[in-house]
Amino acid sequence: MNTTNWLFWLKCVAVFLIQILLINNLHVQLLPAPNIYIVIILMFPVYINRVFAIIAAFILGFIQDIFTQSLGYHAFSACTLMYVRQYWLIFLLGRTIEEDKYYNLNQNSPAWILSYFIPMIVLYQVLWFFMNNGMNIQELGIKIFNSFIVILLSLFLCFSSFVLFFMERKTR
């Protein structure tokens, strides 16, 4: 493994530790904690075997489930996100990943990253939120509002962690 790979995995560990040690311990009234570890799944290298990537997403989600004491909701949502990610990238890039096997997501503009992040984070949060809370019609309005707030927080935190940890800096 070269230095770039080690640096990427070190950044992933840092983001996941921030999620587990800091974000999971923030308690805002009636709102679940936002999930910034999603950025690890979204920035996972595209050249890695898809089965390995889904297993890695499952492990991340499972560890998050252990620390939040949920019943596999994070693991399911993370696996689904990793599975859908390849199709979303094909849609956004207009070509298959195999054409440019070592494509680096960090090289894209912040606007492109947002167009990549927004639907994926919304998908993850909606899956997790409705699995976690069920579909009770009496409380549907409150649940949708809470979900919307958590989606906005997750988007902000994921994009911020992308900029801090994963975005390539332009050198002069």
C-alpha atoms as a PDB file:
ATOM      1  CA  MET A   1       0.000   0.000   0.000  1.00  0.00           C
ATOM      2  CA  ASN A   2       1.276   3.430  -0.802  1.00  0.00           C
ATOM      3  CA  THR A   3       1.170   6.512   1.412  1.00  0.00           C
ATOM      4  CA  THR A   4      -2.034   7.823  -0.170  1.00  0.00           C
ATOM      5  CA  ASN A   5      -3.936   4.666   0.760  1.00  0.00           C
ATOM      6  CA  TRP A   6      -2.689   4.766   4.343  1.00  0.00           C
ATOM      7  CA  LEU A   7      -3.629   8.417   4.596  1.00  0.00           C
ATOM      8  CA  PHE A   8      -7.142   7.678   3.286  1.00  0.00           C
ATOM      9  CA  TRP A   9      -7.694   4.892   5.828  1.00  0.00           C
ATOM     10  CA  LEU A  10      -6.334   7.077   8.621  1.00  0.00           C
ATOM     11  CA  LYS A  11      -8.815   9.805   7.651  1.00  0.00           C
ATOM     12  CA  CYS A  12     -11.623   7.221   7.672  1.00  0.00           C
ATOM     13  CA  VAL A  13     -10.673   6.139  11.185  1.00  0.00           C
ATOM     14  CA  ALA A  14     -10.598   9.792  12.307  1.00  0.00           C
ATOM     15  CA  VAL A  15     -14.082  10.480  10.873  1.00  0.00           C
ATOM     16  CA  PHE A  16     -15.476   7.305  12.436  1.00  0.00           C
ATOM     17  CA  LEU A  17     -13.972   8.138  15.831  1.00  0.00           C
ATOM     18  CA  ILE A  18     -15.519  11.611  15.647  1.00  0.00           C
ATOM     19  CA  GLN A  19     -18.867   9.946  14.894  1.00  0.00           C
ATOM     20  CA  ILE A  20     -18.625   7.455  17.753  1.00  0.00           C
ATOM     21  CA  LEU A  21     -17.014   9.592  20.440  1.00  0.00           C
ATOM     22  CA  LEU A  22     -18.472  13.025  19.719  1.00  0.00           C
ATOM     23  CA  ILE A  23     -21.524  13.055  17.454  1.00  0.00           C
ATOM     24  CA  ASN A  24     -23.241  10.018  19.017  1.00  0.00           C
ATOM     25  CA  ASN A  25     -23.002  11.664  22.432  1.00  0.00           C
ATOM     26  CA  LEU A  26     -24.708  14.889  21.356  1.00  0.00           C
ATOM     27  CA  HIS A  27     -28.306  14.813  22.433  1.00  0.00           C
ATOM     28  CA  VAL A  28     -30.656  17.381  20.943  1.00  0.00           C
ATOM     29  CA  GLN A  29     -34.252  17.154  22.120  1.00  0.00           C
ATOM     30  CA  LEU A  30     -36.214  14.496  20.227  1.00  0.00           C
ATOM     31  CA  LEU A  31     -33.657  14.361  17.393  1.00  0.00           C
ATOM     32  CA  PRO A  32     -31.364  11.433  16.706  1.00  0.00           C
ATOM     33  CA  ALA A  33     -27.686  12.185  16.189  1.00  0.00           C
ATOM     34  CA  PRO A  34     -26.678  12.961  12.605  1.00  0.00           C
ATOM     35  CA  ASN A  35     -24.435  10.463  10.856  1.00  0.00           C
ATOM     36  CA  ILE A  36     -21.160  11.768   9.450  1.00  0.00           C
ATOM     37  CA  TYR A  37     -19.641   8.347   8.945  1.00  0.00           C
ATOM     38  CA  ILE A  38     -21.676   8.206   5.725  1.00  0.00           C
ATOM     39  CA  VAL A  39     -18.886  10.265   4.118  1.00  0.00           C
ATOM     40  CA  ILE A  40     -16.587   7.243   4.506  1.00  0.00           C
ATOM     41  CA  ILE A  41     -18.998   5.134   2.471  1.00  0.00           C
ATOM     42  CA  LEU A  42     -19.404   7.851  -0.135  1.00  0.00           C
ATOM     43  CA  MET A  43     -15.656   8.454  -0.511  1.00  0.00           C
ATOM     44  CA  PHE A  44     -14.737   4.760  -0.540  1.00  0.00           C
ATOM     45  CA  PRO A  45     -12.369   4.094  -3.474  1.00  0.00           C
ATOM     46  CA  VAL A  46     -14.257   3.048  -6.608  1.00  0.00           C
ATOM     47  CA  TYR A  47     -11.590   0.554  -7.675  1.00  0.00           C
ATOM     48  CA  ILE A  48     -12.103  -1.745  -4.673  1.00  0.00           C
ATOM     49  CA  ASN A  49     -14.102  -4.937  -5.182  1.00  0.00           C
ATOM     50  CA  ARG A  50     -17.826  -4.267  -4.783  1.00  0.00           C
ATOM     51  CA  VAL A  51     -18.417  -7.226  -2.445  1.00  0.00           C
ATOM     52  CA  PHE A  52     -15.575  -6.066  -0.189  1.00  0.00           C
ATOM     53  CA  ALA A  53     -17.003  -2.538  -0.242  1.00  0.00           C
ATOM     54  CA  ILE A  54     -20.452  -3.760   0.843  1.00  0.00           C
ATOM     55  CA  ILE A  55     -18.893  -5.884   3.599  1.00  0.00           C
ATOM     56  CA  ALA A  56     -16.892  -2.854   4.778  1.00  0.00           C
ATOM     57  CA  ALA A  57     -20.081  -0.749   4.793  1.00  0.00           C
ATOM     58  CA  PHE A  58     -21.821  -3.466   6.805  1.00  0.00           C
ATOM     59  CA  ILE A  59     -18.990  -3.488   9.351  1.00  0.00           C
ATOM     60  CA  LEU A  60     -19.114   0.322   9.671  1.00  0.00           C
ATOM     61  CA  GLY A  61     -22.890   0.241  10.104  1.00  0.00           C
ATOM     62  CA  PHE A  62     -22.693  -2.666  12.548  1.00  0.00           C
ATOM     63  CA  ILE A  63     -20.146  -0.865  14.726  1.00  0.00           C
ATOM     64  CA  GLN A  64     -22.386   2.220  14.646  1.00  0.00           C
ATOM     65  CA  ASP A  65     -25.323  -0.006  15.645  1.00  0.00           C
ATOM     66  CA  ILE A  66     -23.334  -1.327  18.596  1.00  0.00           C
ATOM     67  CA  PHE A  67     -22.504   2.169  19.843  1.00  0.00           C
ATOM     68  CA  THR A  68     -26.043   3.517  19.333  1.00  0.00           C
ATOM     69  CA  GLN A  69     -27.727   0.323  20.549  1.00  0.00           C
ATOM     70  CA  SER A  70     -29.920   0.060  17.476  1.00  0.00           C
ATOM     71  CA  LEU A  71     -31.063  -3.163  15.886  1.00  0.00           C
ATOM     72  CA  GLY A  72     -29.083  -3.264  12.650  1.00  0.00           C
ATOM     73  CA  TYR A  73     -30.666  -0.187  11.091  1.00  0.00           C
ATOM     74  CA  HIS A  74     -27.317   1.470  10.413  1.00  0.00           C
ATOM     75  CA  ALA A  75     -25.863  -1.731   8.946  1.00  0.00           C
ATOM     76  CA  PHE A  76     -28.811  -2.181   6.586  1.00  0.00           C
ATOM     77  CA  SER A  77     -28.794   1.468   5.529  1.00  0.00           C
ATOM     78  CA  ALA A  78     -25.019   1.473   5.007  1.00  0.00           C
ATOM     79  CA  CYS A  79     -25.119  -1.697   2.872  1.00  0.00           C
ATOM     80  CA  THR A  80     -27.956  -0.286   0.786  1.00  0.00           C
ATOM     81  CA  LEU A  81     -26.077   2.979   0.355  1.00  0.00           C
ATOM     82  CA  MET A  82     -22.926   1.196  -0.795  1.00  0.00           C
ATOM     83  CA  TYR A  83     -24.944  -0.935  -3.230  1.00  0.00           C
ATOM     84  CA  VAL A  84     -26.760   2.070  -4.753  1.00  0.00           C
ATOM     85  CA  ARG A  85     -23.601   4.203  -4.823  1.00  0.00           C
ATOM     86  CA  GLN A  86     -22.161   2.526  -7.916  1.00  0.00           C
ATOM     87  CA  TYR A  87     -25.334   3.120  -9.931  1.00  0.00           C
ATOM     88  CA  TRP A  88     -25.520   6.738  -8.787  1.00  0.00           C
ATOM     89  CA  LEU A  89     -21.889   7.280  -9.801  1.00  0.00           C
ATOM     90  CA  ILE A  90     -22.570   5.768 -13.237  1.00  0.00           C
ATOM     91  CA  PHE A  91     -25.520   8.138 -13.609  1.00  0.00           C
ATOM     92  CA  LEU A  92     -23.514  11.194 -12.523  1.00  0.00           C
ATOM     93  CA  LEU A  93     -20.348  10.393 -14.454  1.00  0.00           C
ATOM     94  CA  GLY A  94     -22.104   9.174 -17.594  1.00  0.00           C
ATOM     95  CA  ARG A  95     -19.817   6.155 -17.866  1.00  0.00           C
ATOM     96  CA  THR A  96     -19.058   2.967 -16.015  1.00  0.00           C
ATOM     97  CA  ILE A  97     -16.490   2.928 -13.265  1.00  0.00           C
ATOM     98  CA  GLU A  98     -14.476   0.221 -15.060  1.00  0.00           C
ATOM     99  CA  GLU A  99     -13.586   2.702 -17.833  1.00  0.00           C
ATOM    100  CA  ASP A 100     -11.561   4.729 -15.341  1.00  0.00           C
ATOM    101  CA  LYS A 101     -10.800   2.224 -12.613  1.00  0.00           C
ATOM    102  CA  TYR A 102      -8.653   4.574 -10.526  1.00  0.00           C
ATOM    103  CA  TYR A 103     -11.022   7.534 -10.712  1.00  0.00           C
ATOM    104  CA  ASN A 104     -10.583   9.782  -7.696  1.00  0.00           C
ATOM    105  CA  LEU A 105     -13.778  11.332  -6.310  1.00  0.00           C
ATOM    106  CA  ASN A 106     -11.736  13.986  -4.486  1.00  0.00           C
ATOM    107  CA  GLN A 107     -10.879  15.737  -7.738  1.00  0.00           C
ATOM    108  CA  ASN A 108     -14.443  16.887  -8.433  1.00  0.00           C
ATOM    109  CA  SER A 109     -15.811  20.330  -7.717  1.00  0.00           C
ATOM    110  CA  PRO A 110     -17.745  21.040  -4.518  1.00  0.00           C
ATOM    111  CA  ALA A 111     -20.933  21.451  -6.591  1.00  0.00           C
ATOM    112  CA  TRP A 112     -20.491  17.977  -8.079  1.00  0.00           C
ATOM    113  CA  ILE A 113     -19.790  16.545  -4.608  1.00  0.00           C
ATOM    114  CA  LEU A 114     -23.039  18.089  -3.335  1.00  0.00           C
ATOM    115  CA  SER A 115     -24.982  16.580  -6.249  1.00  0.00           C
ATOM    116  CA  TYR A 116     -23.410  13.255  -5.286  1.00  0.00           C
ATOM    117  CA  PHE A 117     -23.918  13.628  -1.521  1.00  0.00           C
ATOM    118  CA  ILE A 118     -27.468  15.007  -1.288  1.00  0.00           C
ATOM    119  CA  PRO A 119     -29.461  12.088  -2.779  1.00  0.00           C
ATOM    120  CA  MET A 120     -27.238   9.500  -1.108  1.00  0.00           C
ATOM    121  CA  ILE A 121     -27.512  11.055   2.353  1.00  0.00           C
ATOM    122  CA  VAL A 122     -31.271  11.511   1.933  1.00  0.00           C
ATOM    123  CA  LEU A 123     -31.569   7.833   0.944  1.00  0.00           C
ATOM    124  CA  TYR A 124     -29.544   6.709   3.954  1.00  0.00           C
ATOM    125  CA  GLN A 125     -31.392   8.895   6.439  1.00  0.00           C
ATOM    126  CA  VAL A 126     -34.864   8.008   5.117  1.00  0.00           C
ATOM    127  CA  LEU A 127     -34.062   4.277   5.240  1.00  0.00           C
ATOM    128  CA  TRP A 128     -32.644   4.548   8.733  1.00  0.00           C
ATOM    129  CA  PHE A 129     -35.335   6.867  10.044  1.00  0.00           C
ATOM    130  CA  PHE A 130     -38.343   4.836   8.929  1.00  0.00           C
ATOM    131  CA  MET A 131     -36.762   1.540   9.988  1.00  0.00           C
ATOM    132  CA  ASN A 132     -35.976   3.011  13.386  1.00  0.00           C
ATOM    133  CA  ASN A 133     -39.324   4.713  13.960  1.00  0.00           C
ATOM    134  CA  GLY A 134     -41.831   2.619  12.036  1.00  0.00           C
ATOM    135  CA  MET A 135     -44.774   4.039  10.150  1.00  0.00           C
ATOM    136  CA  ASN A 136     -47.181   5.452  12.732  1.00  0.00           C
ATOM    137  CA  ILE A 137     -49.672   7.696  10.881  1.00  0.00           C
ATOM    138  CA  GLN A 138     -50.483   9.833  13.961  1.00  0.00           C
ATOM    139  CA  GLU A 139     -46.873  10.946  14.350  1.00  0.00           C
ATOM    140  CA  LEU A 140     -45.959  11.068  10.664  1.00  0.00           C
ATOM    141  CA  GLY A 141     -45.688  14.881  10.467  1.00  0.00           C
ATOM    142  CA  ILE A 142     -43.335  15.088  13.455  1.00  0.00           C
ATOM    143  CA  LYS A 143     -41.242  12.195  12.127  1.00  0.00           C
ATOM    144  CA  ILE A 144     -40.910  13.786   8.699  1.00  0.00           C
ATOM    145  CA  PHE A 145     -39.898  17.113  10.280  1.00  0.00           C
ATOM    146  CA  ASN A 146     -37.331  15.376  12.524  1.00  0.00           C
ATOM    147  CA  SER A 147     -36.031  13.427   9.547  1.00  0.00           C
ATOM    148  CA  PHE A 148     -35.685  16.633   7.528  1.00  0.00           C
ATOM    149  CA  ILE A 149     -33.710  18.329  10.312  1.00  0.00           C
ATOM    150  CA  VAL A 150     -31.399  15.325  10.720  1.00  0.00           C
ATOM    151  CA  ILE A 151     -30.889  15.153   6.933  1.00  0.00           C
ATOM    152  CA  LEU A 152     -29.848  18.815   6.887  1.00  0.00           C
ATOM    153  CA  LEU A 153     -27.495  18.315   9.840  1.00  0.00           C
ATOM    154  CA  SER A 154     -26.006  15.185   8.276  1.00  0.00           C
ATOM    155  CA  LEU A 155     -25.533  16.959   4.960  1.00  0.00           C
ATOM    156  CA  PHE A 156     -23.778  19.874   6.607  1.00  0.00           C
ATOM    157  CA  LEU A 157     -21.550  17.651   8.732  1.00  0.00           C
ATOM    158  CA  CYS A 158     -20.745  15.225   5.885  1.00  0.00           C
ATOM    159  CA  PHE A 159     -19.830  18.024   3.514  1.00  0.00           C
ATOM    160  CA  SER A 160     -17.765  19.724   6.234  1.00  0.00           C
ATOM    161  CA  SER A 161     -15.914  16.502   7.018  1.00  0.00           C
ATOM    162  CA  PHE A 162     -15.346  15.959   3.286  1.00  0.00           C
ATOM    163  CA  VAL A 163     -13.807  19.412   2.992  1.00  0.00           C
ATOM    164  CA  LEU A 164     -11.687  18.923   6.121  1.00  0.00           C
ATOM    165  CA  PHE A 165     -10.528  15.358   5.535  1.00  0.00           C
ATOM    166  CA  PHE A 166     -10.954  14.234   1.933  1.00  0.00           C
ATOM    167  CA  MET A 167     -10.899  17.226  -0.420  1.00  0.00           C
ATOM    168  CA  GLU A 168      -7.661  17.561  -2.317  1.00  0.00           C
ATOM    169  CA  ARG A 169      -5.965  20.892  -1.758  1.00  0.00           C
ATOM    170  CA  LYS A 170      -4.768  22.703  -4.852  1.00  0.00           C
ATOM    171  CA  THR A 171      -1.100  23.539  -4.716  1.00  0.00           C
ATOM    172  CA  ARG A 172       0.379  26.540  -6.450  1.00  0.00           C
END
